[in-house]
Amino acid sequence: MGRGYIVEDAVEGYLSKLCEQHEGPITGLLIGQSSSQRDYVIMASRTPLREESPLTARNSLDKEWVTEHARQVSRMLPGGLSVLGIFIITDTDAKDTVTTLCQLVFAMENLISSEYLWSAADDDITDCVTLHVNPKTRKTICRTFDTKNPKSMAKPADWKYQSGVCSSWSMVSCCLNVDLLVPLPDNRTSTESMDKCLKDGLKEWANQIQNGICLIEGKQLPEDAELMTGQKRNTRQTCTVQLLITPDDHRLSAAAQPCGGSVSVRGAIHSRAYLHSNKPKARLAEKVLKRDVLSTVATRVQMLVEELLISEESKGGFKDKHPMEKFCLPRRIFCPVKLCGPVCVCDYQFSDEGQSEAIERLKEMLDIDIAEEDLDTTQETPAEIQERGVASELTVETAEALETKRSNYVGVVMATAVALLATAASMLYLNDI
């Protein structure tokens, strides 16, 4: 027998409701946490229909749409949670869906991991789960694929429902000050996209985060120390973490090189991660929290770049350069998954958005119904653009040549991006040189 999956029983009820809809093939994501011994599935979210082609979406699988949904959802998951795999509800014989599901999980994993700022660790679980549900008989067939092996064959897995799967999960959180500078190429005709420039620069900062020291409740614990030492088993624990970062001496000593601009990210972020209750170790807490730090910063910068591209494309081109432009990055807000105990998912809210936009996104992406009072907007304060003071403290330059994923080349005049993520005000400054 292969891996075992402990599944929140609310997932069974959710899948049963989808079986009653009789809309043809229905796909969706399985979300939870992996561990060395078993995986935990705490929620499932169906793939939203494409508005432009609802009939096609109901009668066939749009692999690109399914994998893009997975990418968007992965951005909304705090540390410790991830997209574990895919489910499909169809009366097609399970044997006939194996190839399709295999292609989906590999494409999904490749797309999600392309946004990571970290390298895979030796203890990372690389198995992805697929669940085939027959809407008539309600029979389920669970298989896994090892996404590290392109020639991986389907392996049977154990799928077991249980109540209160994550009711006693622990949470670790920290507030981290961020101050990084990403240089951009001087060659204004460079074919490198802004995405690549930013990601390469962020990876250098990511190394600092990965090498940082974690103090859990003020103490540096041994890697193999149990996080819940002194606590009763199956009780929820909340830990505060300090992440100590060593300054990057390499950048200070490196030879000066010409550049066409820079991106400066400054401020503070709220980061959190959830840990299963099966004797989690300090090593796991440190790993998932650091990855959440990297993910939340990269996600916000990427979201702003996407917004700028859409904004400039809608104007039909790019206008004259401005001495300085300022943009606020989105703040992070949280929403409890009510059926899953204390665990929360997150969303990112731009300064011009209200609560209703976040509620709509959570419904569309995760298929959860919430009210405004359910949203936790207290962890990060919205950014405020200051006309004086802040701008004078920043040394900003320009960046050019943004490349979208949908066209070969789109020239965007960007100056320095200064993301102020303080409790967590986020701001982007664009300034021409």
Protein backbone atom coordinates (compact mmCIF):
# COMPACT_ATOMS: atom_id res chain seq x y z
CA MET A 1 0.00 0.00 0.00
CA GLY A 2 1.19 3.49 -0.81
CA ARG A 3 0.72 6.70 1.16
CA GLY A 4 -2.13 7.21 3.56
CA TYR A 5 -4.46 10.22 3.49
CA ILE A 6 -6.36 11.34 6.58
CA VAL A 7 -9.23 13.45 5.26
CA GLU A 8 -11.49 15.90 7.07
CA ASP A 9 -15.01 14.43 6.92
CA ALA A 10 -16.34 17.80 5.71
CA VAL A 11 -14.54 16.99 2.45
CA GLU A 12 -16.74 13.92 2.05
CA GLY A 13 -19.85 16.07 2.41
CA TYR A 14 -18.49 18.62 -0.05
CA LEU A 15 -17.74 16.00 -2.69
CA SER A 16 -21.17 14.43 -2.18
CA LYS A 17 -22.88 17.75 -2.92
CA LEU A 18 -20.85 18.10 -6.11
CA CYS A 19 -21.90 14.59 -7.13
CA GLU A 20 -25.54 15.70 -6.99
CA GLN A 21 -25.04 18.50 -9.51
CA HIS A 22 -24.68 16.22 -12.57
CA GLU A 23 -22.72 18.78 -14.60
CA GLY A 24 -20.46 16.35 -16.35
CA PRO A 25 -16.81 16.13 -15.30
CA ILE A 26 -16.09 18.28 -12.23
CA THR A 27 -12.51 18.88 -11.16
CA GLY A 28 -11.02 20.56 -8.15
CA LEU A 29 -8.12 20.77 -5.74
CA LEU A 30 -7.28 18.85 -2.59
CA ILE A 31 -5.65 21.07 0.02
CA GLY A 32 -3.80 20.10 3.17
CA GLN A 33 -0.41 19.22 4.59
CA SER A 34 2.13 16.49 3.90
CA SER A 35 4.22 14.68 6.46
CA SER A 36 6.70 11.85 6.30
CA GLN A 37 4.19 9.31 7.58
CA ARG A 38 0.89 10.45 6.06
CA ASP A 39 -0.86 13.39 4.44
CA TYR A 40 -3.76 15.40 5.81
CA VAL A 41 -6.49 16.72 3.51
CA ILE A 42 -8.51 19.47 5.20
CA MET A 43 -10.52 20.95 2.31
CA ALA A 44 -11.44 20.56 -1.34
CA SER A 45 -12.23 23.35 -3.81
CA ARG A 46 -13.82 22.84 -7.20
CA THR A 47 -12.39 24.44 -10.33
CA PRO A 48 -14.45 27.52 -11.24
CA LEU A 49 -16.12 27.55 -14.65
CA ARG A 50 -14.68 29.80 -17.33
CA GLU A 51 -17.19 32.54 -18.04
CA GLU A 52 -16.35 32.78 -21.70
CA SER A 53 -17.03 29.12 -22.44
CA PRO A 54 -19.25 27.49 -19.79
CA LEU A 55 -20.57 24.77 -22.10
CA THR A 56 -17.10 23.67 -23.12
CA ALA A 57 -15.92 23.71 -19.53
CA ARG A 58 -18.77 21.44 -18.47
CA ASN A 59 -18.14 18.81 -21.12
CA SER A 60 -14.36 18.63 -21.26
CA LEU A 61 -11.34 19.31 -19.12
CA ASP A 62 -9.45 22.54 -19.66
CA LYS A 63 -6.03 21.54 -18.34
CA GLU A 64 -4.61 25.05 -18.55
CA TRP A 65 -7.54 26.43 -16.55
CA VAL A 66 -7.26 23.71 -13.89
CA THR A 67 -3.54 24.28 -13.37
CA GLU A 68 -3.94 28.07 -13.31
CA HIS A 69 -6.58 27.65 -10.61
CA ALA A 70 -4.06 25.61 -8.63
CA ARG A 71 -1.46 28.36 -8.97
CA GLN A 72 -3.87 31.02 -7.74
CA VAL A 73 -5.01 28.90 -4.81
CA SER A 74 -1.43 28.10 -3.78
CA ARG A 75 -0.87 31.84 -3.31
CA MET A 76 -3.76 31.91 -0.84
CA LEU A 77 -2.36 29.22 1.43
CA PRO A 78 -0.22 30.12 4.46
CA GLY A 79 2.82 28.11 5.48
CA GLY A 80 2.29 24.43 6.04
CA LEU A 81 -0.63 24.19 3.63
CA SER A 82 -0.32 23.29 -0.03
CA VAL A 83 -2.23 21.90 -2.98
CA LEU A 84 -1.79 18.16 -2.46
CA GLY A 85 -3.52 17.01 -5.62
CA ILE A 86 -6.62 16.95 -7.77
CA PHE A 87 -10.03 15.31 -7.65
CA ILE A 88 -12.35 14.51 -10.54
CA ILE A 89 -16.03 13.62 -10.37
CA THR A 90 -17.11 11.72 -13.45
CA ASP A 91 -18.90 8.52 -14.41
CA THR A 92 -16.08 7.73 -16.84
CA ASP A 93 -14.24 4.58 -15.87
CA ALA A 94 -11.38 5.32 -13.50
CA LYS A 95 -8.91 3.52 -15.77
CA ASP A 96 -9.70 5.98 -18.56
CA THR A 97 -8.89 9.01 -16.39
CA VAL A 98 -5.47 7.92 -15.15
CA THR A 99 -3.53 9.54 -17.99
CA THR A 100 -5.48 12.79 -17.73
CA LEU A 101 -5.02 13.02 -13.97
CA CYS A 102 -1.33 12.23 -14.31
CA GLN A 103 -0.88 15.05 -16.81
CA LEU A 104 -2.82 17.43 -14.57
CA VAL A 105 -0.81 16.83 -11.40
CA PHE A 106 2.52 17.12 -13.22
CA ALA A 107 1.46 20.34 -14.96
CA MET A 108 0.06 21.71 -11.72
CA GLU A 109 3.19 20.95 -9.73
CA ASN A 110 5.47 22.43 -12.40
CA LEU A 111 3.47 25.67 -12.52
CA ILE A 112 3.23 26.10 -8.76
CA SER A 113 6.89 25.29 -8.12
CA SER A 114 7.98 27.75 -10.82
CA GLU A 115 7.04 30.55 -8.40
CA TYR A 116 9.06 29.15 -5.49
CA LEU A 117 12.06 31.11 -4.25
CA TRP A 118 13.52 28.03 -2.58
CA SER A 119 15.03 24.76 -3.70
CA ALA A 120 13.42 21.46 -2.85
CA ALA A 121 14.66 19.85 0.35
CA ASP A 122 15.56 16.19 0.73
CA ASP A 123 12.64 15.61 3.09
CA ASP A 124 10.03 17.28 0.84
CA ILE A 125 7.15 15.00 -0.10
CA THR A 126 6.90 14.82 -3.89
CA ASP A 127 3.83 12.59 -4.18
CA CYS A 128 0.68 14.20 -5.55
CA VAL A 129 -2.70 12.61 -4.94
CA THR A 130 -5.55 12.10 -7.41
CA LEU A 131 -9.05 11.14 -6.39
CA HIS A 132 -11.60 9.72 -8.82
CA VAL A 133 -15.22 9.88 -7.62
CA ASN A 134 -18.09 8.19 -9.46
CA PRO A 135 -21.16 10.42 -8.96
CA LYS A 136 -23.60 7.50 -9.33
CA THR A 137 -22.01 4.85 -7.15
CA ARG A 138 -19.99 7.29 -4.98
CA LYS A 139 -17.06 4.90 -5.29
CA THR A 140 -13.69 6.63 -4.81
CA ILE A 141 -10.33 5.54 -6.16
CA CYS A 142 -7.24 7.22 -4.72
CA ARG A 143 -3.87 7.14 -6.48
CA THR A 144 -0.58 9.00 -6.15
CA PHE A 145 2.10 10.07 -8.61
CA ASP A 146 5.68 10.96 -7.73
CA THR A 147 6.14 14.32 -9.46
CA LYS A 148 9.90 14.06 -9.04
CA ASN A 149 9.88 11.15 -11.50
CA PRO A 150 8.54 12.00 -14.99
CA LYS A 151 7.96 8.29 -15.62
CA SER A 152 6.08 7.77 -12.38
CA MET A 153 3.30 5.20 -12.45
CA ALA A 154 0.06 5.48 -10.50
CA LYS A 155 0.22 3.93 -7.02
CA PRO A 156 -2.79 3.06 -4.89
CA ALA A 157 -3.23 5.06 -1.71
CA ASP A 158 -5.40 4.78 1.39
CA TRP A 159 -8.16 7.43 1.69
CA LYS A 160 -9.75 7.64 5.14
CA TYR A 161 -12.25 10.20 6.45
CA GLN A 162 -11.97 11.49 9.98
CA SER A 163 -13.47 14.35 11.98
CA GLY A 164 -11.43 17.19 13.48
CA VAL A 165 -8.33 16.50 11.41
CA CYS A 166 -6.75 19.89 12.09
CA SER A 167 -8.65 20.99 15.21
CA SER A 168 -5.49 20.78 17.31
CA TRP A 169 -2.92 21.95 14.79
CA SER A 170 -0.34 24.41 16.10
CA MET A 171 0.34 27.81 14.59
CA VAL A 172 3.67 29.63 14.42
CA SER A 173 3.81 33.27 13.37
CA CYS A 174 6.21 36.16 13.10
CA CYS A 175 6.44 39.75 11.98
CA LEU A 176 9.52 40.36 9.87
CA ASN A 177 11.07 43.61 8.71
CA VAL A 178 12.00 43.49 5.03
CA ASP A 179 14.54 45.76 3.35
CA LEU A 180 15.93 44.51 0.07
CA LEU A 181 17.15 46.07 -3.14
CA VAL A 182 16.97 44.32 -6.51
CA PRO A 183 19.06 45.85 -9.35
CA LEU A 184 17.64 45.72 -12.86
CA PRO A 185 19.55 45.46 -16.16
CA ASP A 186 20.94 48.57 -17.82
CA ASN A 187 20.14 47.22 -21.30
CA ARG A 188 16.71 48.70 -22.07
CA THR A 189 16.27 46.30 -25.01
CA SER A 190 16.97 43.28 -22.85
CA THR A 191 14.66 40.36 -23.53
CA GLU A 192 14.65 39.51 -19.84
CA SER A 193 11.22 40.07 -18.38
CA MET A 194 10.57 42.03 -15.24
CA ASP A 195 9.35 38.76 -13.73
CA LYS A 196 12.74 37.13 -14.22
CA CYS A 197 14.67 40.14 -12.96
CA LEU A 198 12.62 40.35 -9.82
CA LYS A 199 12.72 36.62 -9.18
CA ASP A 200 16.50 36.45 -9.59
CA GLY A 201 16.91 39.36 -7.19
CA LEU A 202 14.47 37.93 -4.70
CA LYS A 203 16.32 34.62 -4.74
CA GLU A 204 19.43 36.32 -3.32
CA TRP A 205 17.31 37.70 -0.49
CA ALA A 206 15.71 34.26 -0.12
CA ASN A 207 19.13 32.81 0.69
CA GLN A 208 19.38 35.22 3.62
CA ILE A 209 15.99 34.11 4.87
CA GLN A 210 16.87 30.44 4.51
CA ASN A 211 20.08 30.99 6.47
CA GLY A 212 18.36 33.04 9.16
CA ILE A 213 18.07 31.90 12.76
CA CYS A 214 14.63 31.08 14.20
CA LEU A 215 13.94 31.79 17.84
CA ILE A 216 10.76 30.02 18.93
CA GLU A 217 9.35 31.76 22.00
CA GLY A 218 12.77 33.39 22.40
CA LYS A 219 14.76 30.15 22.21
CA GLN A 220 16.75 28.48 19.45
CA LEU A 221 15.52 24.89 19.66
CA PRO A 222 17.43 21.86 18.36
CA GLU A 223 16.14 20.75 14.96
CA ASP A 224 14.78 17.49 16.31
CA ALA A 225 13.15 19.04 19.36
CA GLU A 226 9.41 18.55 19.54
CA LEU A 227 7.57 21.81 19.12
CA MET A 228 4.97 20.83 21.70
CA THR A 229 7.36 19.84 24.48
CA GLY A 230 5.64 20.35 27.81
CA GLN A 231 2.25 20.59 26.14
CA LYS A 232 -0.55 18.05 26.21
CA ARG A 233 -0.95 16.03 23.06
CA ASN A 234 -3.82 17.01 20.75
CA THR A 235 -4.04 20.53 22.13
CA ARG A 236 -3.62 23.58 19.97
CA GLN A 237 -0.50 25.65 20.53
CA THR A 238 0.41 29.09 19.24
CA CYS A 239 4.07 30.06 19.04
CA THR A 240 5.69 33.39 18.30
CA VAL A 241 8.87 33.29 16.27
CA GLN A 242 11.68 35.77 15.74
CA LEU A 243 13.62 35.42 12.52
CA LEU A 244 17.15 36.83 12.76
CA ILE A 245 18.70 37.70 9.41
CA THR A 246 22.40 38.29 8.73
CA PRO A 247 23.05 41.34 6.46
CA ASP A 248 24.21 40.61 2.93
CA ASP A 249 27.89 41.54 2.94
CA HIS A 250 28.33 40.33 -0.65
CA ARG A 251 26.33 43.19 -2.08
CA LEU A 252 28.35 45.74 -0.12
CA SER A 253 31.67 44.39 -1.34
CA ALA A 254 30.70 43.66 -4.93
CA ALA A 255 32.12 45.78 -7.71
CA ALA A 256 29.85 48.53 -9.00
CA GLN A 257 27.98 47.61 -12.14
CA PRO A 258 25.74 49.71 -14.39
CA CYS A 259 22.03 49.12 -13.96
CA GLY A 260 18.89 50.58 -15.44
CA GLY A 261 16.94 50.64 -12.23
CA SER A 262 16.20 48.85 -9.02
CA VAL A 263 13.36 47.46 -6.98
CA SER A 264 13.40 48.23 -3.28
CA VAL A 265 11.12 46.27 -0.98
CA ARG A 266 10.76 47.65 2.52
CA GLY A 267 8.54 47.26 5.53
CA ALA A 268 7.19 44.45 7.69
CA ILE A 269 5.10 41.39 6.91
CA HIS A 270 2.94 39.09 9.00
CA SER A 271 3.81 35.47 8.35
CA ARG A 272 2.21 32.34 9.75
CA ALA A 273 2.27 28.60 9.31
CA TYR A 274 0.24 25.65 10.57
CA LEU A 275 1.65 22.34 11.76
CA HIS A 276 -0.02 18.96 12.10
CA SER A 277 -0.38 17.57 15.62
CA ASN A 278 1.64 14.38 15.09
CA LYS A 279 4.73 15.40 17.08
CA PRO A 280 5.88 18.30 14.81
CA LYS A 281 9.55 19.16 15.14
CA ALA A 282 11.21 22.56 15.38
CA ARG A 283 12.87 21.87 12.02
CA LEU A 284 9.48 21.64 10.33
CA ALA A 285 8.21 24.82 11.99
CA GLU A 286 11.27 26.73 10.79
CA LYS A 287 11.02 25.38 7.24
CA VAL A 288 7.35 26.12 6.64
CA LEU A 289 7.48 29.55 8.28
CA LYS A 290 10.50 30.65 6.23
CA ARG A 291 8.81 29.45 3.06
CA ASP A 292 5.72 31.43 3.96
CA VAL A 293 7.86 34.56 4.36
CA LEU A 294 9.33 34.04 0.90
CA SER A 295 5.99 33.19 -0.67
CA THR A 296 4.05 36.16 0.68
CA VAL A 297 6.65 38.72 -0.42
CA ALA A 298 7.07 37.18 -3.88
CA THR A 299 3.30 36.92 -4.35
CA ARG A 300 2.73 40.61 -3.60
CA VAL A 301 5.47 41.81 -5.90
CA GLN A 302 4.20 39.52 -8.66
CA MET A 303 0.62 40.71 -8.16
CA LEU A 304 1.68 44.32 -8.54
CA VAL A 305 3.61 43.59 -11.72
CA GLU A 306 0.53 41.84 -13.13
CA GLU A 307 -1.65 44.84 -12.20
CA LEU A 308 0.78 47.25 -13.88
CA LEU A 309 0.82 45.18 -17.04
CA ILE A 310 -2.96 45.07 -17.23
CA SER A 311 -3.21 48.79 -16.50
CA GLU A 312 -0.68 49.79 -19.15
CA GLU A 313 -2.12 47.43 -21.76
CA SER A 314 -5.59 48.90 -21.23
CA LYS A 315 -4.16 52.33 -22.02
CA GLY A 316 -2.96 51.10 -25.38
CA GLY A 317 0.73 51.65 -24.71
CA PHE A 318 3.14 53.36 -22.39
CA LYS A 319 3.34 57.06 -21.88
CA ASP A 320 6.17 59.37 -21.00
CA LYS A 321 8.27 58.64 -17.99
CA HIS A 322 7.49 60.30 -14.69
CA PRO A 323 10.17 61.43 -12.22
CA MET A 324 8.56 59.23 -9.58
CA GLU A 325 5.49 57.06 -9.31
CA LYS A 326 4.25 55.37 -6.15
CA PHE A 327 2.24 52.19 -5.86
CA CYS A 328 0.87 50.36 -2.84
CA LEU A 329 1.32 46.63 -2.67
CA PRO A 330 -1.60 44.58 -1.35
CA ARG A 331 -1.88 43.72 2.32
CA ARG A 332 -2.46 40.23 3.60
CA ILE A 333 -5.78 39.36 5.21
CA PHE A 334 -6.88 36.06 6.70
CA CYS A 335 -10.07 34.03 6.70
CA PRO A 336 -10.80 31.01 8.91
CA VAL A 337 -11.90 27.82 7.24
CA LYS A 338 -14.78 27.24 9.64
CA LEU A 339 -15.11 23.52 9.04
CA CYS A 340 -11.40 23.00 9.65
CA GLY A 341 -10.92 24.30 13.17
CA PRO A 342 -8.39 27.11 13.67
CA VAL A 343 -6.78 26.95 10.23
CA CYS A 344 -6.99 30.04 8.03
CA VAL A 345 -6.45 30.79 4.36
CA CYS A 346 -5.42 34.22 3.13
CA ASP A 347 -6.03 36.79 0.43
CA TYR A 348 -4.27 39.95 -0.72
CA GLN A 349 -6.18 43.22 -0.74
CA PHE A 350 -5.15 46.29 -2.72
CA SER A 351 -5.79 49.70 -1.16
CA ASP A 352 -8.65 50.49 -3.57
CA GLU A 353 -10.49 47.24 -2.81
CA GLY A 354 -13.21 46.62 -0.26
CA GLN A 355 -14.13 43.55 1.74
CA SER A 356 -16.59 42.42 -0.93
CA GLU A 357 -13.80 41.85 -3.47
CA ALA A 358 -11.95 39.58 -1.04
CA ILE A 359 -15.15 37.67 -0.26
CA GLU A 360 -15.79 37.15 -3.98
CA ARG A 361 -12.24 35.88 -4.59
CA LEU A 362 -12.43 33.45 -1.69
CA LYS A 363 -15.72 32.15 -3.04
CA GLU A 364 -14.43 31.83 -6.60
CA MET A 365 -11.05 30.32 -5.81
CA LEU A 366 -11.79 28.22 -2.72
CA ASP A 367 -15.58 27.85 -2.94
CA ILE A 368 -16.12 28.98 0.66
CA ASP A 369 -18.91 31.24 1.88
CA ILE A 370 -17.93 33.86 4.42
CA ALA A 371 -19.21 37.15 5.82
CA GLU A 372 -17.26 40.38 6.25
CA GLU A 373 -16.93 39.82 9.99
CA ASP A 374 -15.09 36.56 9.28
CA LEU A 375 -12.17 38.39 7.66
CA ASP A 376 -9.16 39.16 9.85
CA THR A 377 -7.80 42.45 8.54
CA THR A 378 -5.92 43.40 11.71
CA GLN A 379 -2.58 41.69 11.06
CA GLU A 380 -1.32 44.20 8.49
CA THR A 381 -2.02 47.91 8.17
CA PRO A 382 -2.75 49.27 4.67
CA ALA A 383 0.06 51.24 3.04
CA GLU A 384 -0.16 55.00 2.87
CA ILE A 385 1.65 56.96 0.19
CA GLN A 386 3.46 59.88 1.77
CA GLU A 387 4.31 62.79 -0.47
CA ARG A 388 7.09 63.95 1.81
CA GLY A 389 9.46 62.25 4.15
CA VAL A 390 9.38 58.70 2.86
CA ALA A 391 10.21 59.56 -0.72
CA SER A 392 13.20 61.64 0.32
CA GLU A 393 14.66 58.65 2.14
CA LEU A 394 14.61 56.42 -0.91
CA THR A 395 17.24 56.17 -3.59
CA VAL A 396 15.23 55.10 -6.58
CA GLU A 397 16.02 54.58 -10.21
CA THR A 398 14.19 53.15 -13.20
CA ALA A 399 13.45 49.88 -14.85
CA GLU A 400 12.21 49.21 -18.33
CA ALA A 401 11.12 46.34 -20.55
CA LEU A 402 8.37 44.30 -19.00
CA GLU A 403 7.45 41.13 -20.78
CA THR A 404 4.02 39.63 -20.32
CA LYS A 405 3.24 35.94 -20.53
CA ARG A 406 0.74 36.61 -23.29
CA SER A 407 2.93 38.64 -25.62
CA ASN A 408 6.57 38.48 -26.59
CA TYR A 409 7.40 41.99 -25.48
CA VAL A 410 5.69 44.82 -23.69
CA GLY A 411 7.78 47.83 -22.73
CA VAL A 412 6.90 49.21 -19.34
CA VAL A 413 8.70 52.14 -17.80
CA MET A 414 9.18 51.26 -14.14
CA ALA A 415 11.40 53.01 -11.72
CA THR A 416 12.37 51.57 -8.41
CA ALA A 417 9.82 49.46 -6.63
CA VAL A 418 9.81 50.13 -2.93
CA ALA A 419 7.45 47.72 -1.22
CA LEU A 420 6.76 48.83 2.32
CA LEU A 421 5.34 45.82 4.05
CA ALA A 422 5.25 47.28 7.51
CA THR A 423 2.65 45.77 9.70
CA ALA A 424 2.48 45.51 6.61
CA ALA A 425 2.29 48.68 4.63
CA SER A 426 3.31 47.93 1.08
CA MET A 427 4.43 50.52 -1.35
CA LEU A 428 6.11 50.59 -4.72
CA TYR A 429 8.05 53.68 -5.82
CA LEU A 430 8.85 54.10 -9.49
CA ASN A 431 11.40 56.72 -10.35
CA ASP A 432 13.21 57.50 -13.62
CA ILE A 433 16.98 57.94 -13.77
